[in-house]
Amino acid sequence: MKIIRRSAERGHFNHGWLDTYHTFSFADYYDPQWLGFRSLRVINDDLIMPGMGFGTHPHRDMEIISYVLSGALQHRDSMGNGRVIRAGEFQYMAAGTGVQHSEFNPAPDEATRLLQIWIRPDQHGVAPRYAEKSLAGAPVGKLHLVASKTGREHSMAIHQDADLWYARLEGGQLVSHPLAANRHAWLHVAEGEVTVNGTKLTGGDALGVSAEPSLRIAATGPAQILLFDLH
């Protein structure tokens, strides 16, 4: 089974300081057909204008992962973390019992583009925690494990039976990912153009897959992809 989510069909809001696309229902965008996929709840494609950002606000009982595609993101939170996250870097927060944080673009003249991802946790009321992982210099043409339930292969450990994989591909490169029985995959194209099991996808498009043995991802040019392997 395949579910295709085209970029142009996503929820879109331009707030001036923020130009954002929502793959799934979020905030003022609601579509009962797109409430998430398995434990994956949010993928927001955000473009934050120079010097702007999200002021301090609370979260709880959600696994939050951000990936910076370009520019930089100044992060501060109530756990005492404060750092500038740059292109090619992932950031993770388990909101758990409650955390407050802010995210700003510190640059005076360059917009910041990031993907904000929410995954529902498999337990509520956990202690908040924070982690980072840089794949800015990771080899191209290969899937890299970013996050997993157990933190295997030096990935960030999260509170859900979900694996997040990342790949940067050049034109003509192919990667494959086996999908175990009773597992489901969501592939989001962050940039570029790929073909997945015969389906052509461009930047912002996504594909949900169930009951297939594997995913074959071929790039027709430079591309970045996120692949979620979900229970």
C-alpha atoms as a PDB file:
ATOM      1  CA  MET A   1       0.000   0.000   0.000  1.00  0.00           C
ATOM      2  CA  LYS A   2       1.223   3.482  -0.879  1.00  0.00           C
ATOM      3  CA  ILE A   3       0.019   6.888   0.308  1.00  0.00           C
ATOM      4  CA  ILE A   4       1.321   9.905  -1.604  1.00  0.00           C
ATOM      5  CA  ARG A   5       1.407  13.364  -0.021  1.00  0.00           C
ATOM      6  CA  ARG A   6       2.296  16.031  -2.557  1.00  0.00           C
ATOM      7  CA  SER A   7       4.093  19.207  -1.521  1.00  0.00           C
ATOM      8  CA  ALA A   8       1.500  21.509  -3.081  1.00  0.00           C
ATOM      9  CA  GLU A   9      -1.308  19.826  -1.121  1.00  0.00           C
ATOM     10  CA  ARG A  10       0.202  20.602   2.296  1.00  0.00           C
ATOM     11  CA  GLY A  11      -1.161  23.253   4.604  1.00  0.00           C
ATOM     12  CA  HIS A  12       0.602  26.567   3.951  1.00  0.00           C
ATOM     13  CA  PHE A  13       0.785  29.802   5.929  1.00  0.00           C
ATOM     14  CA  ASN A  14       2.969  32.850   5.361  1.00  0.00           C
ATOM     15  CA  HIS A  15       3.056  34.859   8.579  1.00  0.00           C
ATOM     16  CA  GLY A  16       5.679  37.287   7.289  1.00  0.00           C
ATOM     17  CA  TRP A  17       8.319  36.282   9.823  1.00  0.00           C
ATOM     18  CA  LEU A  18       7.598  32.586   9.120  1.00  0.00           C
ATOM     19  CA  ASP A  19       6.716  30.816   5.872  1.00  0.00           C
ATOM     20  CA  THR A  20       5.591  27.310   6.802  1.00  0.00           C
ATOM     21  CA  TYR A  21       4.219  24.146   5.196  1.00  0.00           C
ATOM     22  CA  HIS A  22       2.436  21.455   7.241  1.00  0.00           C
ATOM     23  CA  THR A  23       2.476  17.851   6.011  1.00  0.00           C
ATOM     24  CA  PHE A  24      -0.040  16.945   8.723  1.00  0.00           C
ATOM     25  CA  SER A  25      -2.695  18.913  10.594  1.00  0.00           C
ATOM     26  CA  PHE A  26      -1.080  21.506  12.845  1.00  0.00           C
ATOM     27  CA  ALA A  27      -2.209  24.687  14.633  1.00  0.00           C
ATOM     28  CA  ASP A  28      -4.719  26.501  12.363  1.00  0.00           C
ATOM     29  CA  TYR A  29      -4.385  23.895   9.616  1.00  0.00           C
ATOM     30  CA  TYR A  30      -6.783  20.985  10.072  1.00  0.00           C
ATOM     31  CA  ASP A  31      -7.496  18.177   7.621  1.00  0.00           C
ATOM     32  CA  PRO A  32      -9.105  15.030   9.056  1.00  0.00           C
ATOM     33  CA  GLN A  33      -7.441  12.949   6.325  1.00  0.00           C
ATOM     34  CA  TRP A  34      -3.970  14.088   7.412  1.00  0.00           C
ATOM     35  CA  LEU A  35      -3.692  13.756  11.173  1.00  0.00           C
ATOM     36  CA  GLY A  36      -0.382  11.901  11.058  1.00  0.00           C
ATOM     37  CA  PHE A  37       1.005   8.528  10.026  1.00  0.00           C
ATOM     38  CA  ARG A  38       1.369   5.861  12.710  1.00  0.00           C
ATOM     39  CA  SER A  39       3.302   7.562  15.568  1.00  0.00           C
ATOM     40  CA  LEU A  40       4.522  10.342  13.265  1.00  0.00           C
ATOM     41  CA  ARG A  41       2.429  13.404  14.101  1.00  0.00           C
ATOM     42  CA  VAL A  42       4.083  16.517  12.593  1.00  0.00           C
ATOM     43  CA  ILE A  43       6.435  17.454   9.781  1.00  0.00           C
ATOM     44  CA  ASN A  44       6.616  21.221   9.387  1.00  0.00           C
ATOM     45  CA  ASP A  45       8.831  22.778   6.711  1.00  0.00           C
ATOM     46  CA  ASP A  46       9.689  26.179   8.222  1.00  0.00           C
ATOM     47  CA  LEU A  47      11.457  29.194   6.713  1.00  0.00           C
ATOM     48  CA  ILE A  48      12.278  31.688   9.480  1.00  0.00           C
ATOM     49  CA  MET A  49      13.191  35.217   8.483  1.00  0.00           C
ATOM     50  CA  PRO A  50      16.414  36.867   9.774  1.00  0.00           C
ATOM     51  CA  GLY A  51      16.283  37.852  13.440  1.00  0.00           C
ATOM     52  CA  MET A  52      12.876  36.221  13.947  1.00  0.00           C
ATOM     53  CA  GLY A  53      11.682  33.033  15.611  1.00  0.00           C
ATOM     54  CA  PHE A  54       9.484  31.249  18.123  1.00  0.00           C
ATOM     55  CA  GLY A  55       9.407  32.878  21.559  1.00  0.00           C
ATOM     56  CA  THR A  56       9.473  30.825  24.748  1.00  0.00           C
ATOM     57  CA  HIS A  57       6.592  28.356  24.771  1.00  0.00           C
ATOM     58  CA  PRO A  58       5.778  25.035  26.494  1.00  0.00           C
ATOM     59  CA  HIS A  59       5.526  21.443  25.281  1.00  0.00           C
ATOM     60  CA  ARG A  60       4.843  18.167  27.033  1.00  0.00           C
ATOM     61  CA  ASP A  61       4.570  14.470  26.145  1.00  0.00           C
ATOM     62  CA  MET A  62       5.975  14.752  22.639  1.00  0.00           C
ATOM     63  CA  GLU A  63       9.230  13.664  20.971  1.00  0.00           C
ATOM     64  CA  ILE A  64      10.499  16.700  19.003  1.00  0.00           C
ATOM     65  CA  ILE A  65      13.233  16.515  16.372  1.00  0.00           C
ATOM     66  CA  SER A  66      14.487  19.453  14.295  1.00  0.00           C
ATOM     67  CA  TYR A  67      16.722  19.296  11.246  1.00  0.00           C
ATOM     68  CA  VAL A  68      18.348  22.472   9.918  1.00  0.00           C
ATOM     69  CA  LEU A  69      18.560  22.496   6.122  1.00  0.00           C
ATOM     70  CA  SER A  70      20.129  25.945   5.756  1.00  0.00           C
ATOM     71  CA  GLY A  71      21.095  28.837   7.993  1.00  0.00           C
ATOM     72  CA  ALA A  72      21.245  28.547  11.770  1.00  0.00           C
ATOM     73  CA  LEU A  73      18.864  28.145  14.723  1.00  0.00           C
ATOM     74  CA  GLN A  74      19.453  29.536  18.219  1.00  0.00           C
ATOM     75  CA  HIS A  75      17.965  27.136  20.772  1.00  0.00           C
ATOM     76  CA  ARG A  76      17.337  27.787  24.483  1.00  0.00           C
ATOM     77  CA  ASP A  77      15.293  25.681  26.892  1.00  0.00           C
ATOM     78  CA  SER A  78      14.313  25.278  30.533  1.00  0.00           C
ATOM     79  CA  MET A  79      16.727  22.345  30.893  1.00  0.00           C
ATOM     80  CA  GLY A  80      19.597  24.822  30.590  1.00  0.00           C
ATOM     81  CA  ASN A  81      20.550  24.046  26.997  1.00  0.00           C
ATOM     82  CA  GLY A  82      21.548  26.890  24.727  1.00  0.00           C
ATOM     83  CA  ARG A  83      23.245  26.404  21.382  1.00  0.00           C
ATOM     84  CA  VAL A  84      23.215  27.447  17.742  1.00  0.00           C
ATOM     85  CA  ILE A  85      22.189  24.499  15.534  1.00  0.00           C
ATOM     86  CA  ARG A  86      23.564  24.737  11.994  1.00  0.00           C
ATOM     87  CA  ALA A  87      22.849  23.185   8.599  1.00  0.00           C
ATOM     88  CA  GLY A  88      23.244  19.412   8.623  1.00  0.00           C
ATOM     89  CA  GLU A  89      22.562  19.088  12.360  1.00  0.00           C
ATOM     90  CA  PHE A  90      19.678  17.351  14.146  1.00  0.00           C
ATOM     91  CA  GLN A  91      18.332  18.339  17.545  1.00  0.00           C
ATOM     92  CA  TYR A  92      16.099  16.254  19.818  1.00  0.00           C
ATOM     93  CA  MET A  93      13.963  17.102  22.836  1.00  0.00           C
ATOM     94  CA  ALA A  94      11.795  14.761  24.861  1.00  0.00           C
ATOM     95  CA  ALA A  95       9.219  17.202  26.236  1.00  0.00           C
ATOM     96  CA  GLY A  96       7.948  14.616  28.741  1.00  0.00           C
ATOM     97  CA  THR A  97       6.618  16.162  31.945  1.00  0.00           C
ATOM     98  CA  GLY A  98       7.086  19.616  30.455  1.00  0.00           C
ATOM     99  CA  VAL A  99       9.717  21.848  28.927  1.00  0.00           C
ATOM    100  CA  GLN A 100       9.834  25.430  27.728  1.00  0.00           C
ATOM    101  CA  HIS A 101      12.014  26.505  24.838  1.00  0.00           C
ATOM    102  CA  SER A 102      12.608  29.174  22.217  1.00  0.00           C
ATOM    103  CA  GLU A 103      14.009  28.947  18.683  1.00  0.00           C
ATOM    104  CA  PHE A 104      15.369  31.971  16.805  1.00  0.00           C
ATOM    105  CA  ASN A 105      17.225  32.710  13.610  1.00  0.00           C
ATOM    106  CA  PRO A 106      20.292  34.621  14.848  1.00  0.00           C
ATOM    107  CA  ALA A 107      21.439  35.757  11.401  1.00  0.00           C
ATOM    108  CA  PRO A 108      20.829  39.398  10.410  1.00  0.00           C
ATOM    109  CA  ASP A 109      20.560  38.748   6.676  1.00  0.00           C
ATOM    110  CA  GLU A 110      19.877  35.030   5.995  1.00  0.00           C
ATOM    111  CA  ALA A 111      16.686  33.014   6.376  1.00  0.00           C
ATOM    112  CA  THR A 112      16.804  29.677   8.222  1.00  0.00           C
ATOM    113  CA  ARG A 113      15.078  26.617   6.839  1.00  0.00           C
ATOM    114  CA  LEU A 114      14.351  23.643   9.049  1.00  0.00           C
ATOM    115  CA  LEU A 115      12.111  20.622   9.363  1.00  0.00           C
ATOM    116  CA  GLN A 116      10.287  20.312  12.672  1.00  0.00           C
ATOM    117  CA  ILE A 117       9.182  16.755  13.452  1.00  0.00           C
ATOM    118  CA  TRP A 118       6.931  15.505  16.234  1.00  0.00           C
ATOM    119  CA  ILE A 119       6.598  11.834  17.156  1.00  0.00           C
ATOM    120  CA  ARG A 120       4.113  10.598  19.733  1.00  0.00           C
ATOM    121  CA  PRO A 121       5.943   8.951  22.668  1.00  0.00           C
ATOM    122  CA  ASP A 122       5.181   5.409  23.795  1.00  0.00           C
ATOM    123  CA  GLN A 123       4.902   6.585  27.400  1.00  0.00           C
ATOM    124  CA  HIS A 124       3.838   9.812  29.063  1.00  0.00           C
ATOM    125  CA  GLY A 125       5.373  11.674  31.973  1.00  0.00           C
ATOM    126  CA  VAL A 126       9.018  10.888  31.227  1.00  0.00           C
ATOM    127  CA  ALA A 127      11.793  13.220  32.326  1.00  0.00           C
ATOM    128  CA  PRO A 128      12.642  15.825  29.654  1.00  0.00           C
ATOM    129  CA  ARG A 129      15.933  15.291  27.856  1.00  0.00           C
ATOM    130  CA  TYR A 130      17.987  16.779  25.034  1.00  0.00           C
ATOM    131  CA  ALA A 131      20.400  15.497  22.376  1.00  0.00           C
ATOM    132  CA  GLU A 132      22.087  16.569  19.159  1.00  0.00           C
ATOM    133  CA  LYS A 133      23.570  14.753  16.177  1.00  0.00           C
ATOM    134  CA  SER A 134      25.507  16.262  13.277  1.00  0.00           C
ATOM    135  CA  LEU A 135      25.452  14.673   9.845  1.00  0.00           C
ATOM    136  CA  ALA A 136      26.867  17.709   8.065  1.00  0.00           C
ATOM    137  CA  GLY A 137      29.953  15.739   7.004  1.00  0.00           C
ATOM    138  CA  ALA A 138      28.332  12.331   6.649  1.00  0.00           C
ATOM    139  CA  PRO A 139      29.127  10.345   3.481  1.00  0.00           C
ATOM    140  CA  VAL A 140      26.667  10.806   0.619  1.00  0.00           C
ATOM    141  CA  GLY A 141      24.856   7.890  -0.976  1.00  0.00           C
ATOM    142  CA  LYS A 142      24.196   6.130   2.322  1.00  0.00           C
ATOM    143  CA  LEU A 143      21.371   5.954   4.874  1.00  0.00           C
ATOM    144  CA  HIS A 144      22.441   7.150   8.344  1.00  0.00           C
ATOM    145  CA  LEU A 145      20.487   6.314  11.509  1.00  0.00           C
ATOM    146  CA  VAL A 146      19.557   9.546  13.292  1.00  0.00           C
ATOM    147  CA  ALA A 147      17.180   8.340  16.035  1.00  0.00           C
ATOM    148  CA  SER A 148      15.915   5.029  17.390  1.00  0.00           C
ATOM    149  CA  LYS A 149      14.206   3.505  20.417  1.00  0.00           C
ATOM    150  CA  THR A 150      17.422   2.007  21.800  1.00  0.00           C
ATOM    151  CA  GLY A 151      19.956   4.569  20.573  1.00  0.00           C
ATOM    152  CA  ARG A 152      21.739   1.910  18.547  1.00  0.00           C
ATOM    153  CA  GLU A 153      24.520   2.777  16.105  1.00  0.00           C
ATOM    154  CA  HIS A 154      25.212   6.034  17.986  1.00  0.00           C
ATOM    155  CA  SER A 155      21.742   7.380  17.161  1.00  0.00           C
ATOM    156  CA  MET A 156      19.693   9.596  19.474  1.00  0.00           C
ATOM    157  CA  ALA A 157      17.512   7.461  21.772  1.00  0.00           C
ATOM    158  CA  ILE A 158      13.821   8.415  21.691  1.00  0.00           C
ATOM    159  CA  HIS A 159      10.687   7.228  23.522  1.00  0.00           C
ATOM    160  CA  GLN A 160       9.082   5.392  20.608  1.00  0.00           C
ATOM    161  CA  ASP A 161       9.643   2.316  18.468  1.00  0.00           C
ATOM    162  CA  ALA A 162      10.557   4.491  15.492  1.00  0.00           C
ATOM    163  CA  ASP A 163      13.748   4.771  13.467  1.00  0.00           C
ATOM    164  CA  LEU A 164      14.643   7.977  11.647  1.00  0.00           C
ATOM    165  CA  TRP A 165      17.114   7.599   8.784  1.00  0.00           C
ATOM    166  CA  TYR A 166      18.743  10.367   6.742  1.00  0.00           C
ATOM    167  CA  ALA A 167      20.511  10.372   3.398  1.00  0.00           C
ATOM    168  CA  ARG A 168      22.085  12.949   1.137  1.00  0.00           C
ATOM    169  CA  LEU A 169      22.173  11.662  -2.431  1.00  0.00           C
ATOM    170  CA  GLU A 170      23.770  12.717  -5.684  1.00  0.00           C
ATOM    171  CA  GLY A 171      22.201  12.100  -9.070  1.00  0.00           C
ATOM    172  CA  GLY A 172      22.289   8.432 -10.038  1.00  0.00           C
ATOM    173  CA  GLN A 173      22.801   7.145  -6.486  1.00  0.00           C
ATOM    174  CA  LEU A 174      20.516   4.454  -5.090  1.00  0.00           C
ATOM    175  CA  VAL A 175      19.851   3.380  -1.513  1.00  0.00           C
ATOM    176  CA  SER A 176      17.622   0.556  -0.260  1.00  0.00           C
ATOM    177  CA  HIS A 177      15.898   0.017   3.068  1.00  0.00           C
ATOM    178  CA  PRO A 178      14.321  -3.328   4.075  1.00  0.00           C
ATOM    179  CA  LEU A 179      10.940  -3.082   5.757  1.00  0.00           C
ATOM    180  CA  ALA A 180      10.203  -5.834   8.278  1.00  0.00           C
ATOM    181  CA  ALA A 181       6.785  -7.451   8.573  1.00  0.00           C
ATOM    182  CA  ASN A 182       4.254  -5.222  10.367  1.00  0.00           C
ATOM    183  CA  ARG A 183       6.476  -2.152   9.895  1.00  0.00           C
ATOM    184  CA  HIS A 184       5.522   0.989   8.007  1.00  0.00           C
ATOM    185  CA  ALA A 185       7.623   3.662   6.328  1.00  0.00           C
ATOM    186  CA  TRP A 186       7.182   7.368   5.675  1.00  0.00           C
ATOM    187  CA  LEU A 187       9.665   8.974   3.304  1.00  0.00           C
ATOM    188  CA  HIS A 188       9.890  12.772   3.165  1.00  0.00           C
ATOM    189  CA  VAL A 189      11.880  14.493   0.433  1.00  0.00           C
ATOM    190  CA  ALA A 190      13.509  17.515   2.039  1.00  0.00           C
ATOM    191  CA  GLU A 191      15.194  18.665  -1.167  1.00  0.00           C
ATOM    192  CA  GLY A 192      15.680  17.453  -4.722  1.00  0.00           C
ATOM    193  CA  GLU A 193      14.015  14.675  -6.679  1.00  0.00           C
ATOM    194  CA  VAL A 194      13.921  10.925  -6.128  1.00  0.00           C
ATOM    195  CA  THR A 195      12.018   7.867  -7.301  1.00  0.00           C
ATOM    196  CA  VAL A 196      10.799   5.509  -4.556  1.00  0.00           C
ATOM    197  CA  ASN A 197       9.530   2.079  -5.624  1.00  0.00           C
ATOM    198  CA  GLY A 198       8.592   3.582  -8.966  1.00  0.00           C
ATOM    199  CA  THR A 199       6.945   6.739  -7.592  1.00  0.00           C
ATOM    200  CA  LYS A 200       8.539  10.063  -8.505  1.00  0.00           C
ATOM    201  CA  LEU A 201       8.815  12.552  -5.637  1.00  0.00           C
ATOM    202  CA  THR A 202      10.151  16.114  -5.540  1.00  0.00           C
ATOM    203  CA  GLY A 203      11.038  18.455  -2.685  1.00  0.00           C
ATOM    204  CA  GLY A 204       8.283  18.567  -0.047  1.00  0.00           C
ATOM    205  CA  ASP A 205       6.583  15.405  -1.346  1.00  0.00           C
ATOM    206  CA  ALA A 206       6.213  12.345   0.867  1.00  0.00           C
ATOM    207  CA  LEU A 207       5.287   8.689   0.525  1.00  0.00           C
ATOM    208  CA  GLY A 208       3.770   6.355   3.097  1.00  0.00           C
ATOM    209  CA  VAL A 209       4.387   2.639   2.577  1.00  0.00           C
ATOM    210  CA  SER A 210       2.913  -0.433   4.250  1.00  0.00           C
ATOM    211  CA  ALA A 211       3.087  -4.172   3.425  1.00  0.00           C
ATOM    212  CA  GLU A 212       6.067  -3.849   1.094  1.00  0.00           C
ATOM    213  CA  PRO A 213       9.348  -5.688   1.693  1.00  0.00           C
ATOM    214  CA  SER A 214      11.663  -2.775   0.994  1.00  0.00           C
ATOM    215  CA  LEU A 215      12.119   0.756  -0.321  1.00  0.00           C
ATOM    216  CA  ARG A 216      14.395   1.517  -3.278  1.00  0.00           C
ATOM    217  CA  ILE A 217      15.260   5.201  -3.420  1.00  0.00           C
ATOM    218  CA  ALA A 218      16.971   6.516  -6.541  1.00  0.00           C
ATOM    219  CA  ALA A 219      18.059  10.145  -6.930  1.00  0.00           C
ATOM    220  CA  THR A 220      17.860  11.932 -10.270  1.00  0.00           C
ATOM    221  CA  GLY A 221      19.923  14.837  -8.913  1.00  0.00           C
ATOM    222  CA  PRO A 222      21.170  16.172  -5.569  1.00  0.00           C
ATOM    223  CA  ALA A 223      18.617  15.325  -2.861  1.00  0.00           C
ATOM    224  CA  GLN A 224      18.084  15.024   0.886  1.00  0.00           C
ATOM    225  CA  ILE A 225      15.604  12.529   2.327  1.00  0.00           C
ATOM    226  CA  LEU A 226      14.246  11.548   5.742  1.00  0.00           C
ATOM    227  CA  LEU A 227      12.960   7.994   6.147  1.00  0.00           C
ATOM    228  CA  PHE A 228      10.838   6.966   9.137  1.00  0.00           C
ATOM    229  CA  ASP A 229      10.574   3.235   9.917  1.00  0.00           C
ATOM    230  CA  LEU A 230       7.546   2.938  12.204  1.00  0.00           C
ATOM    231  CA  HIS A 231       5.769   0.270  14.256  1.00  0.00           C
END
